[in-house]
Amino acid sequence: MAAKIDVDQLRRLVATEHGLSVVSLVRPDGTVSSSVVNAGLVSHPVSQTTVLAFVVRASAYKRQRLRLDPRVTIAVRAGWEWQAVEGTGELIGPLDPHPSAPVDVPALLRDVFRAAGGTHDNWDEYDRVMAAEQRTAVLVTPTRIYGNVGVSD
């Protein structure tokens, strides 16, 4: 069962630094792989639930790992405030179509980009680059949220 997202706190933290977040995945040997992404809150294109999302290249290690093990943690921070979202990552992209419903992948990628604070002067060019790189949206449905908000240090 998905946890209720504290949308107000997460949205505020995301807006502070363009969704700059640390995403962590478990490697096959049990160690943790972490990297920095821009994440944002979007409505899932099929279920309409609020998810925390980011975008990866088709060749990215994150995409390869999530195909095998969808467990993921994303830590969003601004100053000393932070929230971690643990959950299940779902891939939706040109190489990872949604199994039960058609999804407009270019629109989804634009939604994730904008939710993370991104802007673009030429959306046709943006769509072209995303398609050429076979970019994939990672939609994280939370199972646990925790953190430290409302503090200054």
Protein backbone atom coordinates (compact mmCIF):
# COMPACT_ATOMS: atom_id res chain seq x y z
CA MET A 1 0.00 0.00 0.00
CA ALA A 2 1.35 3.43 -0.93
CA ALA A 3 2.11 5.98 1.76
CA LYS A 4 0.43 9.37 1.70
CA ILE A 5 2.85 11.92 0.28
CA ASP A 6 3.28 15.15 2.20
CA VAL A 7 2.85 17.05 -1.04
CA ASP A 8 3.24 20.51 0.47
CA GLN A 9 6.58 19.76 2.14
CA LEU A 10 7.99 17.87 -0.84
CA ARG A 11 6.80 20.46 -3.34
CA ARG A 12 8.40 23.23 -1.25
CA LEU A 13 11.71 21.35 -1.04
CA VAL A 14 11.66 20.51 -4.77
CA ALA A 15 11.05 24.16 -5.69
CA THR A 16 14.00 25.38 -3.62
CA GLU A 17 16.76 23.78 -5.72
CA HIS A 18 15.05 22.58 -8.93
CA GLY A 19 14.37 19.18 -7.38
CA LEU A 20 18.04 18.42 -6.87
CA SER A 21 17.87 15.04 -5.18
CA VAL A 22 19.94 11.97 -4.43
CA VAL A 23 18.58 8.70 -5.76
CA SER A 24 19.85 5.44 -4.26
CA LEU A 25 19.48 1.89 -5.56
CA VAL A 26 20.72 -1.47 -4.29
CA ARG A 27 23.36 -3.20 -6.43
CA PRO A 28 23.32 -6.99 -6.89
CA ASP A 29 26.12 -7.32 -4.30
CA GLY A 30 24.04 -5.46 -1.70
CA THR A 31 26.00 -2.20 -1.81
CA VAL A 32 24.22 1.07 -2.56
CA SER A 33 24.60 3.13 -5.73
CA SER A 34 23.73 6.83 -5.39
CA SER A 35 23.57 9.64 -7.92
CA VAL A 36 22.11 13.11 -8.25
CA VAL A 37 18.96 13.76 -10.31
CA ASN A 38 16.35 16.49 -10.68
CA ALA A 39 13.03 15.17 -9.41
CA GLY A 40 9.53 16.57 -9.20
CA LEU A 41 6.01 15.66 -8.17
CA VAL A 42 3.65 14.64 -10.98
CA SER A 43 0.39 12.81 -11.42
CA HIS A 44 0.90 9.25 -12.57
CA PRO A 45 -0.35 9.18 -16.19
CA VAL A 46 -2.50 6.08 -15.58
CA SER A 47 -3.49 5.97 -11.88
CA GLN A 48 -3.45 9.77 -11.35
CA THR A 49 -1.79 9.28 -7.94
CA THR A 50 0.96 11.71 -6.96
CA VAL A 51 4.42 10.27 -7.55
CA LEU A 52 7.96 11.60 -7.28
CA ALA A 53 9.57 11.36 -10.72
CA PHE A 54 12.85 11.84 -12.55
CA VAL A 55 14.17 11.06 -16.03
CA VAL A 56 17.03 8.75 -17.10
CA ARG A 57 18.76 7.88 -20.36
CA ALA A 58 18.05 4.46 -21.87
CA SER A 59 21.66 3.45 -21.19
CA ALA A 60 21.70 4.65 -17.56
CA TYR A 61 22.67 2.23 -14.81
CA LYS A 62 19.62 3.42 -12.83
CA ARG A 63 17.28 2.21 -15.58
CA GLN A 64 19.04 -1.14 -15.83
CA ARG A 65 18.91 -1.68 -12.05
CA LEU A 66 15.27 -0.59 -11.72
CA ARG A 67 14.25 -3.09 -14.40
CA LEU A 68 15.67 -5.84 -12.16
CA ASP A 69 14.88 -4.41 -8.74
CA PRO A 70 12.39 -1.51 -8.54
CA ARG A 71 13.26 -0.50 -4.95
CA VAL A 72 14.49 3.08 -4.80
CA THR A 73 15.05 5.88 -2.30
CA ILE A 74 15.10 9.55 -3.27
CA ALA A 75 16.29 12.17 -0.79
CA VAL A 76 15.15 15.72 -1.56
CA ARG A 77 16.88 18.48 0.40
CA ALA A 78 17.03 22.22 0.76
CA GLY A 79 19.51 23.51 3.31
CA TRP A 80 19.17 21.32 6.38
CA GLU A 81 15.61 20.29 5.56
CA TRP A 82 15.08 17.01 3.77
CA GLN A 83 12.62 14.25 3.07
CA ALA A 84 13.41 10.76 1.87
CA VAL A 85 10.91 8.90 -0.25
CA GLU A 86 11.31 5.12 -0.30
CA GLY A 87 9.27 3.27 -2.84
CA THR A 88 8.90 1.36 -6.03
CA GLY A 89 10.15 2.83 -9.29
CA GLU A 90 8.13 2.32 -12.43
CA LEU A 91 9.75 2.93 -15.82
CA ILE A 92 7.73 4.52 -18.63
CA GLY A 93 9.52 5.38 -21.86
CA PRO A 94 10.07 4.32 -25.45
CA LEU A 95 11.78 1.09 -24.34
CA ASP A 96 9.51 0.63 -21.31
CA PRO A 97 5.87 1.11 -22.35
CA HIS A 98 3.23 0.99 -19.64
CA PRO A 99 1.88 -2.58 -19.55
CA SER A 100 -1.83 -1.73 -19.40
CA ALA A 101 -2.39 1.70 -20.94
CA PRO A 102 -0.90 3.87 -23.67
CA VAL A 103 1.05 6.81 -22.28
CA ASP A 104 2.11 9.94 -24.16
CA VAL A 105 5.82 9.65 -23.32
CA PRO A 106 6.90 13.09 -24.66
CA ALA A 107 4.18 14.78 -22.58
CA LEU A 108 5.17 12.77 -19.50
CA LEU A 109 8.86 13.71 -19.90
CA ARG A 110 7.92 17.38 -20.24
CA ASP A 111 5.72 17.13 -17.11
CA VAL A 112 8.57 15.63 -15.08
CA PHE A 113 11.02 18.25 -16.37
CA ARG A 114 8.67 21.12 -15.48
CA ALA A 115 7.85 19.58 -12.07
CA ALA A 116 11.57 19.62 -11.27
CA GLY A 117 11.70 23.34 -12.10
CA GLY A 118 12.88 23.03 -15.70
CA THR A 119 11.91 25.38 -18.50
CA HIS A 120 12.62 25.22 -22.21
CA ASP A 121 12.42 27.68 -25.10
CA ASN A 122 11.82 25.04 -27.76
CA TRP A 123 9.68 22.06 -26.72
CA ASP A 124 9.95 20.46 -30.18
CA GLU A 125 13.73 20.38 -29.81
CA TYR A 126 13.40 19.08 -26.24
CA ASP A 127 11.14 16.25 -27.48
CA ARG A 128 13.58 15.46 -30.30
CA VAL A 129 16.54 15.14 -27.92
CA MET A 130 14.56 13.07 -25.41
CA ALA A 131 13.46 10.69 -28.19
CA ALA A 132 17.00 10.42 -29.63
CA GLU A 133 18.35 9.53 -26.17
CA GLN A 134 15.38 7.21 -25.52
CA ARG A 135 14.80 8.97 -22.20
CA THR A 136 12.60 7.19 -19.68
CA ALA A 137 10.54 8.56 -16.81
CA VAL A 138 10.99 6.90 -13.42
CA LEU A 139 7.82 7.26 -11.35
CA VAL A 140 8.32 6.46 -7.67
CA THR A 141 5.26 5.41 -5.73
CA PRO A 142 6.14 5.94 -2.07
CA THR A 143 5.89 3.24 0.55
CA ARG A 144 7.62 5.29 3.28
CA ILE A 145 8.40 8.98 3.73
CA TYR A 146 10.56 10.43 6.49
CA GLY A 147 12.80 13.39 7.05
CA ASN A 148 13.55 16.58 8.84
CA VAL A 149 11.50 19.60 7.78
CA GLY A 150 10.94 22.94 9.43
CA VAL A 151 14.47 23.24 10.84
CA SER A 152 17.26 25.72 10.15
CA ASP A 153 20.33 23.64 11.13
